[in-house]
Amino acid sequence: MILLVIPSIKLNNISINDIDLYVKAEYFNPASSVKDRLAVSIIENAESRNQLKKVKLLLKLRAEIQELG
């Protein structure tokens, strides 16, 4: 599988229970899966901030991705 770099954008003007909300700049997507790239972006962002709790996050992401699917 080839994953392209599709930027995610933090929405600063929307606050839901103190949760950071990100959206994907889908206009960069030529045809690949939204779910794959969004999950990778979330994981990489958490890793870069040393906030990744690998097992819990990956299981949660998998469940959420399946709900989208």
PDB file of N, CA and C in Angstrom:
ATOM      1  N   MET A   1       0.844  -1.178   0.000  1.00  0.00           N
ATOM      2  CA  MET A   1       0.000   0.000   0.000  1.00  0.00           C
ATOM      3  C   MET A   1       0.888   1.239   0.000  1.00  0.00           C
ATOM      4  N   ILE A   2       0.573   2.186  -0.821  1.00  0.00           N
ATOM      5  CA  ILE A   2       1.301   3.449  -0.866  1.00  0.00           C
ATOM      6  C   ILE A   2       0.465   4.493  -0.137  1.00  0.00           C
ATOM      7  N   LEU A   3       1.083   5.136   0.845  1.00  0.00           N
ATOM      8  CA  LEU A   3       0.395   6.202   1.573  1.00  0.00           C
ATOM      9  C   LEU A   3       0.995   7.531   1.167  1.00  0.00           C
ATOM     10  N   LEU A   4       0.178   8.418   0.690  1.00  0.00           N
ATOM     11  CA  LEU A   4       0.630   9.753   0.335  1.00  0.00           C
ATOM     12  C   LEU A   4       0.540  10.652   1.551  1.00  0.00           C
ATOM     13  N   VAL A   5       1.339  11.690   1.554  1.00  0.00           N
ATOM     14  CA  VAL A   5       1.293  12.646   2.654  1.00  0.00           C
ATOM     15  C   VAL A   5       0.158  13.628   2.381  1.00  0.00           C
ATOM     16  N   ILE A   6      -0.872  13.525   3.174  1.00  0.00           N
ATOM     17  CA  ILE A   6      -2.019  14.425   3.078  1.00  0.00           C
ATOM     18  C   ILE A   6      -2.085  15.187   4.398  1.00  0.00           C
ATOM     19  N   PRO A   7      -1.960  16.499   4.363  1.00  0.00           N
ATOM     20  CA  PRO A   7      -1.924  17.250   5.622  1.00  0.00           C
ATOM     21  C   PRO A   7      -3.249  17.217   6.373  1.00  0.00           C
ATOM     22  N   SER A   8      -3.128  17.219   7.691  1.00  0.00           N
ATOM     23  CA  SER A   8      -4.306  17.400   8.533  1.00  0.00           C
ATOM     24  C   SER A   8      -4.207  18.801   9.132  1.00  0.00           C
ATOM     25  N   ILE A   9      -5.342  19.409   9.353  1.00  0.00           N
ATOM     26  CA  ILE A   9      -5.402  20.796   9.804  1.00  0.00           C
ATOM     27  C   ILE A   9      -6.139  20.844  11.133  1.00  0.00           C
ATOM     28  N   LYS A  10      -5.526  21.477  12.125  1.00  0.00           N
ATOM     29  CA  LYS A  10      -6.174  21.626  13.429  1.00  0.00           C
ATOM     30  C   LYS A  10      -7.180  22.772  13.349  1.00  0.00           C
ATOM     31  N   LEU A  11      -8.393  22.493  13.792  1.00  0.00           N
ATOM     32  CA  LEU A  11      -9.424  23.529  13.830  1.00  0.00           C
ATOM     33  C   LEU A  11      -9.327  24.247  15.167  1.00  0.00           C
ATOM     34  N   ASN A  12      -8.837  25.465  15.137  1.00  0.00           N
ATOM     35  CA  ASN A  12      -8.613  26.219  16.365  1.00  0.00           C
ATOM     36  C   ASN A  12      -9.872  26.885  16.902  1.00  0.00           C
ATOM     37  N   ASN A  13     -10.846  27.140  16.049  1.00  0.00           N
ATOM     38  CA  ASN A  13     -12.030  27.881  16.472  1.00  0.00           C
ATOM     39  C   ASN A  13     -13.190  26.988  16.893  1.00  0.00           C
ATOM     40  N   ILE A  14     -12.958  25.690  16.923  1.00  0.00           N
ATOM     41  CA  ILE A  14     -14.000  24.755  17.338  1.00  0.00           C
ATOM     42  C   ILE A  14     -13.495  23.994  18.548  1.00  0.00           C
ATOM     43  N   SER A  15     -14.265  24.022  19.628  1.00  0.00           N
ATOM     44  CA  SER A  15     -13.860  23.323  20.840  1.00  0.00           C
ATOM     45  C   SER A  15     -14.982  22.397  21.281  1.00  0.00           C
ATOM     46  N   ILE A  16     -14.636  21.123  21.426  1.00  0.00           N
ATOM     47  CA  ILE A  16     -15.596  20.136  21.899  1.00  0.00           C
ATOM     48  C   ILE A  16     -14.975  19.447  23.103  1.00  0.00           C
ATOM     49  N   ASN A  17     -15.410  19.827  24.296  1.00  0.00           N
ATOM     50  CA  ASN A  17     -14.914  19.207  25.531  1.00  0.00           C
ATOM     51  C   ASN A  17     -13.392  19.175  25.599  1.00  0.00           C
ATOM     52  N   ASP A  18     -12.750  20.271  25.259  1.00  0.00           N
ATOM     53  CA  ASP A  18     -11.288  20.394  25.300  1.00  0.00           C
ATOM     54  C   ASP A  18     -10.564  19.351  24.449  1.00  0.00           C
ATOM     55  N   ILE A  19     -11.161  18.944  23.356  1.00  0.00           N
ATOM     56  CA  ILE A  19     -10.546  17.982  22.442  1.00  0.00           C
ATOM     57  C   ILE A  19      -9.995  18.744  21.240  1.00  0.00           C
ATOM     58  N   ASP A  20      -8.756  18.424  20.860  1.00  0.00           N
ATOM     59  CA  ASP A  20      -8.199  18.992  19.637  1.00  0.00           C
ATOM     60  C   ASP A  20      -8.879  18.315  18.451  1.00  0.00           C
ATOM     61  N   LEU A  21      -9.395  19.110  17.536  1.00  0.00           N
ATOM     62  CA  LEU A  21     -10.110  18.575  16.387  1.00  0.00           C
ATOM     63  C   LEU A  21      -9.307  18.849  15.125  1.00  0.00           C
ATOM     64  N   TYR A  22      -9.042  17.787  14.375  1.00  0.00           N
ATOM     65  CA  TYR A  22      -8.283  17.888  13.134  1.00  0.00           C
ATOM     66  C   TYR A  22      -9.156  17.439  11.970  1.00  0.00           C
ATOM     67  N   VAL A  23      -8.966  18.071  10.833  1.00  0.00           N
ATOM     68  CA  VAL A  23      -9.620  17.637   9.601  1.00  0.00           C
ATOM     69  C   VAL A  23      -8.538  17.379   8.565  1.00  0.00           C
ATOM     70  N   LYS A  24      -8.864  16.558   7.619  1.00  0.00           N
ATOM     71  CA  LYS A  24      -7.907  16.209   6.585  1.00  0.00           C
ATOM     72  C   LYS A  24      -8.131  17.088   5.368  1.00  0.00           C
ATOM     73  N   ALA A  25      -7.048  17.593   4.802  1.00  0.00           N
ATOM     74  CA  ALA A  25      -7.125  18.407   3.588  1.00  0.00           C
ATOM     75  C   ALA A  25      -7.335  17.457   2.405  1.00  0.00           C
ATOM     76  N   GLU A  26      -8.555  17.034   2.220  1.00  0.00           N
ATOM     77  CA  GLU A  26      -8.881  15.982   1.255  1.00  0.00           C
ATOM     78  C   GLU A  26      -8.560  16.381  -0.180  1.00  0.00           C
ATOM     79  N   TYR A  27      -8.437  17.660  -0.455  1.00  0.00           N
ATOM     80  CA  TYR A  27      -8.135  18.074  -1.823  1.00  0.00           C
ATOM     81  C   TYR A  27      -6.749  17.622  -2.272  1.00  0.00           C
ATOM     82  N   PHE A  28      -5.909  17.132  -1.356  1.00  0.00           N
ATOM     83  CA  PHE A  28      -4.614  16.562  -1.726  1.00  0.00           C
ATOM     84  C   PHE A  28      -4.738  15.086  -2.111  1.00  0.00           C
ATOM     85  N   ASN A  29      -5.889  14.493  -1.941  1.00  0.00           N
ATOM     86  CA  ASN A  29      -6.099  13.060  -2.142  1.00  0.00           C
ATOM     87  C   ASN A  29      -6.424  12.753  -3.602  1.00  0.00           C
ATOM     88  N   PRO A  30      -5.506  12.117  -4.330  1.00  0.00           N
ATOM     89  CA  PRO A  30      -5.809  11.799  -5.724  1.00  0.00           C
ATOM     90  C   PRO A  30      -6.811  10.654  -5.877  1.00  0.00           C
ATOM     91  N   ALA A  31      -6.796   9.664  -4.958  1.00  0.00           N
ATOM     92  CA  ALA A  31      -7.767   8.567  -5.065  1.00  0.00           C
ATOM     93  C   ALA A  31      -7.642   7.538  -3.956  1.00  0.00           C
ATOM     94  N   SER A  32      -6.750   7.702  -3.037  1.00  0.00           N
ATOM     95  CA  SER A  32      -6.489   6.684  -2.026  1.00  0.00           C
ATOM     96  C   SER A  32      -7.502   6.754  -0.885  1.00  0.00           C
ATOM     97  N   SER A  33      -7.357   5.840   0.071  1.00  0.00           N
ATOM     98  CA  SER A  33      -8.320   5.721   1.158  1.00  0.00           C
ATOM     99  C   SER A  33      -8.169   6.830   2.193  1.00  0.00           C
ATOM    100  N   VAL A  34      -9.261   7.475   2.490  1.00  0.00           N
ATOM    101  CA  VAL A  34      -9.291   8.522   3.512  1.00  0.00           C
ATOM    102  C   VAL A  34      -8.916   7.937   4.866  1.00  0.00           C
ATOM    103  N   LYS A  35      -9.455   6.774   5.173  1.00  0.00           N
ATOM    104  CA  LYS A  35      -9.258   6.171   6.495  1.00  0.00           C
ATOM    105  C   LYS A  35      -7.798   5.839   6.749  1.00  0.00           C
ATOM    106  N   ASP A  36      -7.100   5.303   5.757  1.00  0.00           N
ATOM    107  CA  ASP A  36      -5.700   4.924   5.942  1.00  0.00           C
ATOM    108  C   ASP A  36      -4.831   6.128   6.270  1.00  0.00           C
ATOM    109  N   ARG A  37      -4.946   7.155   5.470  1.00  0.00           N
ATOM    110  CA  ARG A  37      -4.067   8.313   5.653  1.00  0.00           C
ATOM    111  C   ARG A  37      -4.401   9.084   6.921  1.00  0.00           C
ATOM    112  N   LEU A  38      -5.667   9.173   7.263  1.00  0.00           N
ATOM    113  CA  LEU A  38      -6.041   9.872   8.486  1.00  0.00           C
ATOM    114  C   LEU A  38      -5.488   9.143   9.704  1.00  0.00           C
ATOM    115  N   ALA A  39      -5.590   7.830   9.711  1.00  0.00           N
ATOM    116  CA  ALA A  39      -5.055   7.048  10.832  1.00  0.00           C
ATOM    117  C   ALA A  39      -3.552   7.233  10.949  1.00  0.00           C
ATOM    118  N   VAL A  40      -2.837   7.183   9.828  1.00  0.00           N
ATOM    119  CA  VAL A  40      -1.382   7.374   9.851  1.00  0.00           C
ATOM    120  C   VAL A  40      -1.044   8.772  10.350  1.00  0.00           C
ATOM    121  N   SER A  41      -1.780   9.780   9.908  1.00  0.00           N
ATOM    122  CA  SER A  41      -1.528  11.152  10.347  1.00  0.00           C
ATOM    123  C   SER A  41      -1.718  11.301  11.853  1.00  0.00           C
ATOM    124  N   ILE A  42      -2.764  10.703  12.389  1.00  0.00           N
ATOM    125  CA  ILE A  42      -3.024  10.771  13.831  1.00  0.00           C
ATOM    126  C   ILE A  42      -1.900  10.093  14.605  1.00  0.00           C
ATOM    127  N   ILE A  43      -1.487   8.926  14.139  1.00  0.00           N
ATOM    128  CA  ILE A  43      -0.421   8.190  14.823  1.00  0.00           C
ATOM    129  C   ILE A  43       0.894   8.960  14.769  1.00  0.00           C
ATOM    130  N   GLU A  44       1.259   9.464  13.597  1.00  0.00           N
ATOM    131  CA  GLU A  44       2.522  10.202  13.471  1.00  0.00           C
ATOM    132  C   GLU A  44       2.514  11.476  14.308  1.00  0.00           C
ATOM    133  N   ASN A  45       1.375  12.157  14.355  1.00  0.00           N
ATOM    134  CA  ASN A  45       1.273  13.368  15.166  1.00  0.00           C
ATOM    135  C   ASN A  45       1.466  13.038  16.639  1.00  0.00           C
ATOM    136  N   ALA A  46       0.831  11.984  17.108  1.00  0.00           N
ATOM    137  CA  ALA A  46       0.976  11.575  18.510  1.00  0.00           C
ATOM    138  C   ALA A  46       2.405  11.147  18.811  1.00  0.00           C
ATOM    139  N   GLU A  47       3.032  10.417  17.881  1.00  0.00           N
ATOM    140  CA  GLU A  47       4.424  10.002  18.071  1.00  0.00           C
ATOM    141  C   GLU A  47       5.346  11.210  18.170  1.00  0.00           C
ATOM    142  N   SER A  48       5.132  12.200  17.324  1.00  0.00           N
ATOM    143  CA  SER A  48       6.015  13.370  17.307  1.00  0.00           C
ATOM    144  C   SER A  48       5.932  14.166  18.606  1.00  0.00           C
ATOM    145  N   ARG A  49       4.823  14.033  19.326  1.00  0.00           N
ATOM    146  CA  ARG A  49       4.657  14.739  20.604  1.00  0.00           C
ATOM    147  C   ARG A  49       4.833  13.808  21.799  1.00  0.00           C
ATOM    148  N   ASN A  50       5.341  12.603  21.549  1.00  0.00           N
ATOM    149  CA  ASN A  50       5.535  11.597  22.604  1.00  0.00           C
ATOM    150  C   ASN A  50       4.258  11.344  23.394  1.00  0.00           C
ATOM    151  N   GLN A  51       3.133  11.337  22.717  1.00  0.00           N
ATOM    152  CA  GLN A  51       1.848  11.125  23.376  1.00  0.00           C
ATOM    153  C   GLN A  51       1.208   9.798  22.983  1.00  0.00           C
ATOM    154  N   LEU A  52       1.965   8.968  22.308  1.00  0.00           N
ATOM    155  CA  LEU A  52       1.381   7.737  21.802  1.00  0.00           C
ATOM    156  C   LEU A  52       1.417   6.638  22.847  1.00  0.00           C
ATOM    157  N   LYS A  53       0.267   6.158  23.192  1.00  0.00           N
ATOM    158  CA  LYS A  53       0.143   4.963  24.021  1.00  0.00           C
ATOM    159  C   LYS A  53      -0.267   3.876  23.036  1.00  0.00           C
ATOM    160  N   LYS A  54       0.706   3.178  22.508  1.00  0.00           N
ATOM    161  CA  LYS A  54       0.541   2.377  21.297  1.00  0.00           C
ATOM    162  C   LYS A  54      -0.640   1.413  21.324  1.00  0.00           C
ATOM    163  N   VAL A  55      -0.734   0.580  22.300  1.00  0.00           N
ATOM    164  CA  VAL A  55      -1.767  -0.449  22.269  1.00  0.00           C
ATOM    165  C   VAL A  55      -3.157   0.165  22.325  1.00  0.00           C
ATOM    166  N   LYS A  56      -3.385   1.058  23.279  1.00  0.00           N
ATOM    167  CA  LYS A  56      -4.714   1.651  23.434  1.00  0.00           C
ATOM    168  C   LYS A  56      -5.098   2.475  22.213  1.00  0.00           C
ATOM    169  N   LEU A  57      -4.176   3.296  21.714  1.00  0.00           N
ATOM    170  CA  LEU A  57      -4.486   4.165  20.582  1.00  0.00           C
ATOM    171  C   LEU A  57      -4.768   3.346  19.329  1.00  0.00           C
ATOM    172  N   LEU A  58      -3.946   2.350  19.052  1.00  0.00           N
ATOM    173  CA  LEU A  58      -4.143   1.571  17.838  1.00  0.00           C
ATOM    174  C   LEU A  58      -5.444   0.784  17.878  1.00  0.00           C
ATOM    175  N   LEU A  59      -5.800   0.249  19.028  1.00  0.00           N
ATOM    176  CA  LEU A  59      -7.072  -0.464  19.133  1.00  0.00           C
ATOM    177  C   LEU A  59      -8.247   0.488  18.963  1.00  0.00           C
ATOM    178  N   LYS A  60      -8.140   1.667  19.550  1.00  0.00           N
ATOM    179  CA  LYS A  60      -9.210   2.663  19.428  1.00  0.00           C
ATOM    180  C   LYS A  60      -9.348   3.111  17.973  1.00  0.00           C
ATOM    181  N   LEU A  61      -8.208   3.395  17.317  1.00  0.00           N
ATOM    182  CA  LEU A  61      -8.254   3.814  15.918  1.00  0.00           C
ATOM    183  C   LEU A  61      -8.863   2.726  15.036  1.00  0.00           C
ATOM    184  N   ARG A  62      -8.482   1.491  15.298  1.00  0.00           N
ATOM    185  CA  ARG A  62      -9.020   0.402  14.487  1.00  0.00           C
ATOM    186  C   ARG A  62     -10.536   0.332  14.622  1.00  0.00           C
ATOM    187  N   ALA A  63     -11.034   0.467  15.834  1.00  0.00           N
ATOM    188  CA  ALA A  63     -12.480   0.427  16.059  1.00  0.00           C
ATOM    189  C   ALA A  63     -13.170   1.595  15.362  1.00  0.00           C
ATOM    190  N   GLU A  64     -12.583   2.784  15.460  1.00  0.00           N
ATOM    191  CA  GLU A  64     -13.193   3.962  14.839  1.00  0.00           C
ATOM    192  C   GLU A  64     -13.154   3.872  13.318  1.00  0.00           C
ATOM    193  N   ILE A  65     -12.070   3.352  12.775  1.00  0.00           N
ATOM    194  CA  ILE A  65     -11.961   3.208  11.326  1.00  0.00           C
ATOM    195  C   ILE A  65     -12.997   2.210  10.822  1.00  0.00           C
ATOM    196  N   GLN A  66     -13.209   1.137  11.555  1.00  0.00           N
ATOM    197  CA  GLN A  66     -14.208   0.151  11.148  1.00  0.00           C
ATOM    198  C   GLN A  66     -15.607   0.756  11.171  1.00  0.00           C
ATOM    199  N   GLU A  67     -15.860   1.671  12.104  1.00  0.00           N
ATOM    200  CA  GLU A  67     -17.165   2.338  12.150  1.00  0.00           C
ATOM    201  C   GLU A  67     -17.378   3.194  10.905  1.00  0.00           C
ATOM    202  N   LEU A  68     -16.295   3.817  10.399  1.00  0.00           N
ATOM    203  CA  LEU A  68     -16.398   4.656   9.209  1.00  0.00           C
ATOM    204  C   LEU A  68     -16.680   3.840   7.958  1.00  0.00           C
ATOM    205  N   GLY A  69     -16.202   2.578   7.981  1.00  0.00           N
ATOM    206  CA  GLY A  69     -16.104   1.799   6.829  1.00  0.00           C
ATOM    207  C   GLY A  69     -17.150   1.170   6.103  1.00  0.00           C
TER     208      GLY A  69
END
